[in-house]
PDB file of N, CA and C in Angstrom:
ATOM      1  N   MET A   1      -9.819  -0.881  -8.026  1.00  0.00           N
ATOM      2  CA  MET A   1      -9.471  -1.027  -6.630  1.00  0.00           C
ATOM      3  C   MET A   1     -10.047  -2.344  -6.113  1.00  0.00           C
ATOM      4  N   ALA A   2      -9.233  -3.086  -5.392  1.00  0.00           N
ATOM      5  CA  ALA A   2      -9.664  -4.365  -4.833  1.00  0.00           C
ATOM      6  C   ALA A   2     -10.588  -4.132  -3.636  1.00  0.00           C
ATOM      7  N   LYS A   3     -11.641  -4.900  -3.558  1.00  0.00           N
ATOM      8  CA  LYS A   3     -12.519  -4.875  -2.392  1.00  0.00           C
ATOM      9  C   LYS A   3     -12.053  -5.984  -1.463  1.00  0.00           C
ATOM     10  N   ILE A   4     -11.930  -5.682  -0.179  1.00  0.00           N
ATOM     11  CA  ILE A   4     -11.471  -6.687   0.765  1.00  0.00           C
ATOM     12  C   ILE A   4     -12.485  -6.868   1.878  1.00  0.00           C
ATOM     13  N   ASN A   5     -12.416  -8.021   2.506  1.00  0.00           N
ATOM     14  CA  ASN A   5     -13.290  -8.340   3.621  1.00  0.00           C
ATOM     15  C   ASN A   5     -12.503  -8.113   4.912  1.00  0.00           C
ATOM     16  N   PHE A   6     -12.165  -6.845   5.169  1.00  0.00           N
ATOM     17  CA  PHE A   6     -11.341  -6.484   6.321  1.00  0.00           C
ATOM     18  C   PHE A   6     -11.554  -5.009   6.613  1.00  0.00           C
ATOM     19  N   LEU A   7     -11.789  -4.661   7.867  1.00  0.00           N
ATOM     20  CA  LEU A   7     -11.960  -3.263   8.260  1.00  0.00           C
ATOM     21  C   LEU A   7     -10.866  -2.908   9.254  1.00  0.00           C
ATOM     22  N   PRO A   8      -9.933  -2.030   8.870  1.00  0.00           N
ATOM     23  CA  PRO A   8      -8.876  -1.643   9.804  1.00  0.00           C
ATOM     24  C   PRO A   8      -9.435  -0.795  10.940  1.00  0.00           C
ATOM     25  N   THR A   9      -8.750  -0.825  12.074  1.00  0.00           N
ATOM     26  CA  THR A   9      -9.153  -0.017  13.218  1.00  0.00           C
ATOM     27  C   THR A   9      -8.334   1.263  13.275  1.00  0.00           C
ATOM     28  N   ARG A  10      -8.758   2.181  14.112  1.00  0.00           N
ATOM     29  CA  ARG A  10      -8.085   3.464  14.362  1.00  0.00           C
ATOM     30  C   ARG A  10      -7.634   4.146  13.081  1.00  0.00           C
ATOM     31  N   ASP A  11      -6.336   4.461  12.980  1.00  0.00           N
ATOM     32  CA  ASP A  11      -5.838   5.210  11.820  1.00  0.00           C
ATOM     33  C   ASP A  11      -5.022   4.338  10.875  1.00  0.00           C
ATOM     34  N   TRP A  12      -5.297   3.046  10.848  1.00  0.00           N
ATOM     35  CA  TRP A  12      -4.604   2.142   9.928  1.00  0.00           C
ATOM     36  C   TRP A  12      -5.177   2.288   8.525  1.00  0.00           C
ATOM     37  N   VAL A  13      -4.300   2.199   7.544  1.00  0.00           N
ATOM     38  CA  VAL A  13      -4.676   2.300   6.136  1.00  0.00           C
ATOM     39  C   VAL A  13      -4.180   1.047   5.436  1.00  0.00           C
ATOM     40  N   VAL A  14      -5.037   0.415   4.630  1.00  0.00           N
ATOM     41  CA  VAL A  14      -4.674  -0.800   3.894  1.00  0.00           C
ATOM     42  C   VAL A  14      -4.407  -0.435   2.434  1.00  0.00           C
ATOM     43  N   LEU A  15      -3.259  -0.894   1.938  1.00  0.00           N
ATOM     44  CA  LEU A  15      -2.824  -0.609   0.572  1.00  0.00           C
ATOM     45  C   LEU A  15      -2.462  -1.922  -0.115  1.00  0.00           C
ATOM     46  N   PRO A  16      -2.551  -1.968  -1.442  1.00  0.00           N
ATOM     47  CA  PRO A  16      -2.145  -3.197  -2.132  1.00  0.00           C
ATOM     48  C   PRO A  16      -0.639  -3.388  -1.998  1.00  0.00           C
ATOM     49  N   LEU A  17      -0.212  -4.637  -1.882  1.00  0.00           N
ATOM     50  CA  LEU A  17       1.219  -4.951  -1.852  1.00  0.00           C
ATOM     51  C   LEU A  17       1.648  -5.196  -3.287  1.00  0.00           C
ATOM     52  N   VAL A  18       2.420  -4.268  -3.828  1.00  0.00           N
ATOM     53  CA  VAL A  18       2.843  -4.344  -5.222  1.00  0.00           C
ATOM     54  C   VAL A  18       4.244  -4.923  -5.268  1.00  0.00           C
ATOM     55  N   LYS A  19       4.362  -6.065  -5.930  1.00  0.00           N
ATOM     56  CA  LYS A  19       5.669  -6.697  -6.090  1.00  0.00           C
ATOM     57  C   LYS A  19       5.976  -6.810  -7.567  1.00  0.00           C
ATOM     58  N   LYS A  20       7.201  -6.527  -7.905  1.00  0.00           N
ATOM     59  CA  LYS A  20       7.646  -6.724  -9.284  1.00  0.00           C
ATOM     60  C   LYS A  20       8.564  -7.930  -9.300  1.00  0.00           C
ATOM     61  N   GLU A  21       8.274  -8.871 -10.175  1.00  0.00           N
ATOM     62  CA  GLU A  21       9.123 -10.047 -10.296  1.00  0.00           C
ATOM     63  C   GLU A  21      10.098  -9.919 -11.448  1.00  0.00           C
ATOM     64  N   LYS A  22       9.820  -8.956 -12.345  1.00  0.00           N
ATOM     65  CA  LYS A  22      10.789  -8.658 -13.390  1.00  0.00           C
ATOM     66  C   LYS A  22      10.649  -7.205 -13.813  1.00  0.00           C
ATOM     67  N   THR A  23      11.743  -6.665 -14.351  1.00  0.00           N
ATOM     68  CA  THR A  23      11.768  -5.275 -14.774  1.00  0.00           C
ATOM     69  C   THR A  23      10.995  -5.118 -16.077  1.00  0.00           C
ATOM     70  N   ASP A  24      10.748  -3.863 -16.468  1.00  0.00           N
ATOM     71  CA  ASP A  24      10.050  -3.589 -17.719  1.00  0.00           C
ATOM     72  C   ASP A  24      10.810  -4.146 -18.922  1.00  0.00           C
ATOM     73  N   SER A  25      12.126  -4.262 -18.799  1.00  0.00           N
ATOM     74  CA  SER A  25      12.928  -4.792 -19.907  1.00  0.00           C
ATOM     75  C   SER A  25      13.050  -6.311 -19.870  1.00  0.00           C
ATOM     76  N   GLY A  26      12.444  -6.968 -18.855  1.00  0.00           N
ATOM     77  CA  GLY A  26      12.404  -8.420 -18.814  1.00  0.00           C
ATOM     78  C   GLY A  26      13.403  -9.091 -17.897  1.00  0.00           C
ATOM     79  N   ILE A  27      14.182  -8.327 -17.133  1.00  0.00           N
ATOM     80  CA  ILE A  27      15.145  -8.928 -16.214  1.00  0.00           C
ATOM     81  C   ILE A  27      14.389  -9.487 -15.018  1.00  0.00           C
ATOM     82  N   ILE A  28      14.596 -10.771 -14.722  1.00  0.00           N
ATOM     83  CA  ILE A  28      13.934 -11.427 -13.593  1.00  0.00           C
ATOM     84  C   ILE A  28      14.660 -11.039 -12.313  1.00  0.00           C
ATOM     85  N   LEU A  29      13.893 -10.590 -11.320  1.00  0.00           N
ATOM     86  CA  LEU A  29      14.466 -10.136 -10.056  1.00  0.00           C
ATOM     87  C   LEU A  29      14.431 -11.259  -9.030  1.00  0.00           C
ATOM     88  N   THR A  30      15.485 -11.375  -8.250  1.00  0.00           N
ATOM     89  CA  THR A  30      15.539 -12.371  -7.185  1.00  0.00           C
ATOM     90  C   THR A  30      15.997 -11.693  -5.902  1.00  0.00           C
ATOM     91  N   GLY A  31      15.723 -12.340  -4.791  1.00  0.00           N
ATOM     92  CA  GLY A  31      16.190 -11.828  -3.508  1.00  0.00           C
ATOM     93  C   GLY A  31      15.635 -10.454  -3.182  1.00  0.00           C
ATOM     94  N   ASN A  32      16.512  -9.572  -2.709  1.00  0.00           N
ATOM     95  CA  ASN A  32      16.104  -8.234  -2.280  1.00  0.00           C
ATOM     96  C   ASN A  32      16.021  -7.231  -3.423  1.00  0.00           C
ATOM     97  N   ALA A  33      16.359  -7.629  -4.618  1.00  0.00           N
ATOM     98  CA  ALA A  33      16.346  -6.695  -5.748  1.00  0.00           C
ATOM     99  C   ALA A  33      14.957  -6.131  -6.001  1.00  0.00           C
ATOM    100  N   GLU A  34      13.916  -6.931  -5.770  1.00  0.00           N
ATOM    101  CA  GLU A  34      12.556  -6.451  -6.034  1.00  0.00           C
ATOM    102  C   GLU A  34      12.163  -5.295  -5.129  1.00  0.00           C
ATOM    103  N   LYS A  35      12.738  -5.191  -3.943  1.00  0.00           N
ATOM    104  CA  LYS A  35      12.384  -4.106  -3.023  1.00  0.00           C
ATOM    105  C   LYS A  35      12.684  -2.745  -3.620  1.00  0.00           C
ATOM    106  N   ASN A  36      13.712  -2.653  -4.425  1.00  0.00           N
ATOM    107  CA  ASN A  36      14.099  -1.372  -5.009  1.00  0.00           C
ATOM    108  C   ASN A  36      13.126  -0.900  -6.080  1.00  0.00           C
ATOM    109  N   LEU A  37      12.287  -1.777  -6.599  1.00  0.00           N
ATOM    110  CA  LEU A  37      11.379  -1.394  -7.671  1.00  0.00           C
ATOM    111  C   LEU A  37       9.934  -1.257  -7.209  1.00  0.00           C
ATOM    112  N   ARG A  38       9.675  -1.349  -5.930  1.00  0.00           N
ATOM    113  CA  ARG A  38       8.312  -1.162  -5.434  1.00  0.00           C
ATOM    114  C   ARG A  38       7.943   0.303  -5.539  1.00  0.00           C
ATOM    115  N   THR A  39       6.691   0.544  -5.802  1.00  0.00           N
ATOM    116  CA  THR A  39       6.220   1.923  -5.916  1.00  0.00           C
ATOM    117  C   THR A  39       5.779   2.441  -4.556  1.00  0.00           C
ATOM    118  N   ASN A  40       5.836   3.738  -4.367  1.00  0.00           N
ATOM    119  CA  ASN A  40       5.329   4.316  -3.125  1.00  0.00           C
ATOM    120  C   ASN A  40       4.086   5.171  -3.390  1.00  0.00           C
ATOM    121  N   ILE A  41       3.498   5.015  -4.582  1.00  0.00           N
ATOM    122  CA  ILE A  41       2.235   5.673  -4.908  1.00  0.00           C
ATOM    123  C   ILE A  41       1.200   4.574  -5.109  1.00  0.00           C
ATOM    124  N   LEU A  42       0.220   4.546  -4.211  1.00  0.00           N
ATOM    125  CA  LEU A  42      -0.735   3.437  -4.172  1.00  0.00           C
ATOM    126  C   LEU A  42      -2.152   3.952  -3.928  1.00  0.00           C
ATOM    127  N   GLU A  43      -3.123   3.110  -4.270  1.00  0.00           N
ATOM    128  CA  GLU A  43      -4.527   3.444  -4.036  1.00  0.00           C
ATOM    129  C   GLU A  43      -4.993   2.795  -2.735  1.00  0.00           C
ATOM    130  N   VAL A  44      -5.641   3.567  -1.880  1.00  0.00           N
ATOM    131  CA  VAL A  44      -6.107   3.088  -0.581  1.00  0.00           C
ATOM    132  C   VAL A  44      -7.245   2.094  -0.775  1.00  0.00           C
ATOM    133  N   VAL A  45      -7.085   0.906  -0.201  1.00  0.00           N
ATOM    134  CA  VAL A  45      -8.098  -0.146  -0.289  1.00  0.00           C
ATOM    135  C   VAL A  45      -9.104  -0.005   0.856  1.00  0.00           C
ATOM    136  N   ALA A  46      -8.617   0.361   2.045  1.00  0.00           N
ATOM    137  CA  ALA A  46      -9.490   0.559   3.207  1.00  0.00           C
ATOM    138  C   ALA A  46      -8.797   1.515   4.168  1.00  0.00           C
ATOM    139  N   ALA A  47      -9.596   2.292   4.894  1.00  0.00           N
ATOM    140  CA  ALA A  47      -9.056   3.234   5.872  1.00  0.00           C
ATOM    141  C   ALA A  47      -9.836   3.102   7.171  1.00  0.00           C
ATOM    142  N   GLY A  48      -9.116   3.166   8.287  1.00  0.00           N
ATOM    143  CA  GLY A  48      -9.739   3.055   9.601  1.00  0.00           C
ATOM    144  C   GLY A  48     -10.646   4.228   9.914  1.00  0.00           C
ATOM    145  N   PRO A  49     -11.505   4.082  10.920  1.00  0.00           N
ATOM    146  CA  PRO A  49     -12.517   5.094  11.235  1.00  0.00           C
ATOM    147  C   PRO A  49     -11.967   6.418  11.762  1.00  0.00           C
ATOM    148  N   THR A  50     -10.742   6.432  12.274  1.00  0.00           N
ATOM    149  CA  THR A  50     -10.212   7.701  12.800  1.00  0.00           C
ATOM    150  C   THR A  50      -9.231   8.374  11.839  1.00  0.00           C
ATOM    151  N   CYS A  51      -9.142   7.902  10.617  1.00  0.00           N
ATOM    152  CA  CYS A  51      -8.297   8.581   9.626  1.00  0.00           C
ATOM    153  C   CYS A  51      -8.885   9.957   9.345  1.00  0.00           C
ATOM    154  N   ALA A  52      -8.064  10.989   9.508  1.00  0.00           N
ATOM    155  CA  ALA A  52      -8.559  12.358   9.378  1.00  0.00           C
ATOM    156  C   ALA A  52      -8.593  12.839   7.934  1.00  0.00           C
ATOM    157  N   THR A  53      -7.628  12.441   7.114  1.00  0.00           N
ATOM    158  CA  THR A  53      -7.524  12.995   5.767  1.00  0.00           C
ATOM    159  C   THR A  53      -7.509  11.949   4.664  1.00  0.00           C
ATOM    160  N   ILE A  54      -7.430  10.690   5.014  1.00  0.00           N
ATOM    161  CA  ILE A  54      -7.322   9.611   4.030  1.00  0.00           C
ATOM    162  C   ILE A  54      -8.609   8.811   4.021  1.00  0.00           C
ATOM    163  N   LYS A  55      -9.079   8.473   2.799  1.00  0.00           N
ATOM    164  CA  LYS A  55     -10.278   7.634   2.696  1.00  0.00           C
ATOM    165  C   LYS A  55     -10.077   6.581   1.605  1.00  0.00           C
ATOM    166  N   GLU A  56     -10.909   5.584   1.614  1.00  0.00           N
ATOM    167  CA  GLU A  56     -10.856   4.519   0.614  1.00  0.00           C
ATOM    168  C   GLU A  56     -10.961   5.114  -0.787  1.00  0.00           C
ATOM    169  N   GLY A  57     -10.107   4.657  -1.686  1.00  0.00           N
ATOM    170  CA  GLY A  57     -10.113   5.126  -3.058  1.00  0.00           C
ATOM    171  C   GLY A  57      -9.117   6.241  -3.343  1.00  0.00           C
ATOM    172  N   ASP A  58      -8.574   6.881  -2.300  1.00  0.00           N
ATOM    173  CA  ASP A  58      -7.561   7.923  -2.500  1.00  0.00           C
ATOM    174  C   ASP A  58      -6.287   7.316  -3.082  1.00  0.00           C
ATOM    175  N   THR A  59      -5.599   8.066  -3.915  1.00  0.00           N
ATOM    176  CA  THR A  59      -4.262   7.692  -4.370  1.00  0.00           C
ATOM    177  C   THR A  59      -3.290   8.483  -3.516  1.00  0.00           C
ATOM    178  N   VAL A  60      -2.411   7.761  -2.817  1.00  0.00           N
ATOM    179  CA  VAL A  60      -1.532   8.402  -1.839  1.00  0.00           C
ATOM    180  C   VAL A  60      -0.072   8.101  -2.118  1.00  0.00           C
ATOM    181  N   MET A  61       0.798   8.952  -1.554  1.00  0.00           N
ATOM    182  CA  MET A  61       2.235   8.720  -1.613  1.00  0.00           C
ATOM    183  C   MET A  61       2.704   8.376  -0.203  1.00  0.00           C
ATOM    184  N   ILE A  62       3.337   7.218  -0.095  1.00  0.00           N
ATOM    185  CA  ILE A  62       3.889   6.755   1.181  1.00  0.00           C
ATOM    186  C   ILE A  62       5.348   7.177   1.251  1.00  0.00           C
ATOM    187  N   HIS A  63       5.806   7.536   2.428  1.00  0.00           N
ATOM    188  CA  HIS A  63       7.221   7.852   2.584  1.00  0.00           C
ATOM    189  C   HIS A  63       8.029   6.611   2.190  1.00  0.00           C
ATOM    190  N   PRO A  64       9.035   6.770   1.324  1.00  0.00           N
ATOM    191  CA  PRO A  64       9.748   5.612   0.770  1.00  0.00           C
ATOM    192  C   PRO A  64      10.475   4.745   1.793  1.00  0.00           C
ATOM    193  N   THR A  65      10.792   5.280   2.971  1.00  0.00           N
ATOM    194  CA  THR A  65      11.480   4.452   3.963  1.00  0.00           C
ATOM    195  C   THR A  65      10.525   3.854   4.992  1.00  0.00           C
ATOM    196  N   SER A  66       9.230   4.088   4.852  1.00  0.00           N
ATOM    197  CA  SER A  66       8.246   3.545   5.791  1.00  0.00           C
ATOM    198  C   SER A  66       8.163   2.029   5.664  1.00  0.00           C
ATOM    199  N   GLU A  67       8.013   1.398   6.797  1.00  0.00           N
ATOM    200  CA  GLU A  67       7.783  -0.040   6.803  1.00  0.00           C
ATOM    201  C   GLU A  67       6.354  -0.277   7.229  1.00  0.00           C
ATOM    202  N   GLY A  68       5.709  -1.218   6.568  1.00  0.00           N
ATOM    203  CA  GLY A  68       4.326  -1.521   6.882  1.00  0.00           C
ATOM    204  C   GLY A  68       4.174  -2.944   7.366  1.00  0.00           C
ATOM    205  N   LEU A  69       2.980  -3.262   7.784  1.00  0.00           N
ATOM    206  CA  LEU A  69       2.624  -4.592   8.246  1.00  0.00           C
ATOM    207  C   LEU A  69       1.998  -5.337   7.084  1.00  0.00           C
ATOM    208  N   ILE A  70       2.618  -6.418   6.638  1.00  0.00           N
ATOM    209  CA  ILE A  70       2.076  -7.197   5.524  1.00  0.00           C
ATOM    210  C   ILE A  70       1.035  -8.153   6.069  1.00  0.00           C
ATOM    211  N   ILE A  71      -0.158  -8.134   5.446  1.00  0.00           N
ATOM    212  CA  ILE A  71      -1.244  -9.016   5.880  1.00  0.00           C
ATOM    213  C   ILE A  71      -1.689  -9.892   4.713  1.00  0.00           C
ATOM    214  N   ASP A  72      -2.039 -11.113   5.036  1.00  0.00           N
ATOM    215  CA  ASP A  72      -2.553 -12.065   4.053  1.00  0.00           C
ATOM    216  C   ASP A  72      -4.057 -12.192   4.244  1.00  0.00           C
ATOM    217  N   LEU A  73      -4.817 -11.836   3.235  1.00  0.00           N
ATOM    218  CA  LEU A  73      -6.267 -11.967   3.257  1.00  0.00           C
ATOM    219  C   LEU A  73      -6.680 -12.895   2.125  1.00  0.00           C
ATOM    220  N   ASP A  74      -7.934 -13.297   2.109  1.00  0.00           N
ATOM    221  CA  ASP A  74      -8.431 -14.147   1.022  1.00  0.00           C
ATOM    222  C   ASP A  74      -8.216 -13.499  -0.337  1.00  0.00           C
ATOM    223  N   GLU A  75      -8.273 -12.173  -0.379  1.00  0.00           N
ATOM    224  CA  GLU A  75      -8.149 -11.435  -1.642  1.00  0.00           C
ATOM    225  C   GLU A  75      -6.698 -11.243  -2.081  1.00  0.00           C
ATOM    226  N   GLY A  76      -5.730 -11.614  -1.256  1.00  0.00           N
ATOM    227  CA  GLY A  76      -4.318 -11.472  -1.592  1.00  0.00           C
ATOM    228  C   GLY A  76      -3.527 -10.848  -0.460  1.00  0.00           C
ATOM    229  N   GLN A  77      -2.324 -10.379  -0.783  1.00  0.00           N
ATOM    230  CA  GLN A  77      -1.472  -9.739   0.210  1.00  0.00           C
ATOM    231  C   GLN A  77      -1.628  -8.225   0.126  1.00  0.00           C
ATOM    232  N   PHE A  78      -1.636  -7.602   1.300  1.00  0.00           N
ATOM    233  CA  PHE A  78      -1.771  -6.160   1.412  1.00  0.00           C
ATOM    234  C   PHE A  78      -0.777  -5.667   2.445  1.00  0.00           C
ATOM    235  N   VAL A  79      -0.564  -4.370   2.463  1.00  0.00           N
ATOM    236  CA  VAL A  79       0.303  -3.762   3.470  1.00  0.00           C
ATOM    237  C   VAL A  79      -0.508  -2.729   4.238  1.00  0.00           C
ATOM    238  N   MET A  80      -0.307  -2.704   5.549  1.00  0.00           N
ATOM    239  CA  MET A  80      -0.989  -1.732   6.398  1.00  0.00           C
ATOM    240  C   MET A  80       0.031  -0.742   6.940  1.00  0.00           C
ATOM    241  N   VAL A  81      -0.314   0.540   6.882  1.00  0.00           N
ATOM    242  CA  VAL A  81       0.517   1.602   7.454  1.00  0.00           C
ATOM    243  C   VAL A  81      -0.386   2.522   8.261  1.00  0.00           C
ATOM    244  N   ASN A  82       0.215   3.261   9.177  1.00  0.00           N
ATOM    245  CA  ASN A  82      -0.549   4.275   9.895  1.00  0.00           C
ATOM    246  C   ASN A  82      -0.686   5.515   9.021  1.00  0.00           C
ATOM    247  N   GLU A  83      -1.738   6.260   9.244  1.00  0.00           N
ATOM    248  CA  GLU A  83      -2.010   7.444   8.428  1.00  0.00           C
ATOM    249  C   GLU A  83      -0.840   8.432   8.428  1.00  0.00           C
ATOM    250  N   PHE A  84      -0.094   8.536   9.526  1.00  0.00           N
ATOM    251  CA  PHE A  84       1.004   9.508   9.581  1.00  0.00           C
ATOM    252  C   PHE A  84       2.154   9.146   8.638  1.00  0.00           C
ATOM    253  N   MET A  85       2.200   7.912   8.129  1.00  0.00           N
ATOM    254  CA  MET A  85       3.244   7.499   7.196  1.00  0.00           C
ATOM    255  C   MET A  85       2.951   7.942   5.756  1.00  0.00           C
ATOM    256  N   ILE A  86       1.770   8.494   5.551  1.00  0.00           N
ATOM    257  CA  ILE A  86       1.371   8.938   4.219  1.00  0.00           C
ATOM    258  C   ILE A  86       1.774  10.405   4.058  1.00  0.00           C
ATOM    259  N   CYS A  87       2.541  10.674   3.006  1.00  0.00           N
ATOM    260  CA  CYS A  87       3.050  12.031   2.762  1.00  0.00           C
ATOM    261  C   CYS A  87       1.968  12.953   2.204  1.00  0.00           C
ATOM    262  N   GLY A  88       1.045  12.397   1.422  1.00  0.00           N
ATOM    263  CA  GLY A  88       0.005  13.235   0.839  1.00  0.00           C
ATOM    264  C   GLY A  88      -0.897  12.457  -0.098  1.00  0.00           C
ATOM    265  N   VAL A  89      -1.967  13.122  -0.495  1.00  0.00           N
ATOM    266  CA  VAL A  89      -2.953  12.562  -1.412  1.00  0.00           C
ATOM    267  C   VAL A  89      -2.720  13.176  -2.793  1.00  0.00           C
ATOM    268  N   ILE A  90      -2.755  12.351  -3.820  1.00  0.00           N
ATOM    269  CA  ILE A  90      -2.578  12.828  -5.184  1.00  0.00           C
ATOM    270  C   ILE A  90      -3.975  13.096  -5.760  1.00  0.00           C
ATOM    271  N   PRO A  91      -4.283  14.352  -6.107  1.00  0.00           N
ATOM    272  CA  PRO A  91      -5.619  14.678  -6.643  1.00  0.00           C
ATOM    273  C   PRO A  91      -5.897  13.935  -7.955  1.00  0.00           C
ATOM    274  N   GLN A  92      -7.152  13.608  -8.148  1.00  0.00           N
ATOM    275  CA  GLN A  92      -7.521  12.888  -9.371  1.00  0.00           C
ATOM    276  C   GLN A  92      -8.366  13.734 -10.262  1.00  0.00           C
TER     277      GLN A  92
END
């Protein structure tokens, strides 16, 4: 899990922004094609202080049609979503 120098407020959750530039078989993706291969199961990098059920380090499933806020930090690009956009936590 990436450590970041950013603390979200309220119920915001920070997740890694996973982009695929090519498929497992080696096809290079361009344009909007990469959006179809993004995963919706991610590990929480940071969680705001009012998150009721989500904490840093949880593996969560995001609703596939949710849109998040993309943020650029020194550590890379991340996506922020509100806790209500998370469908559930995957037990480890």
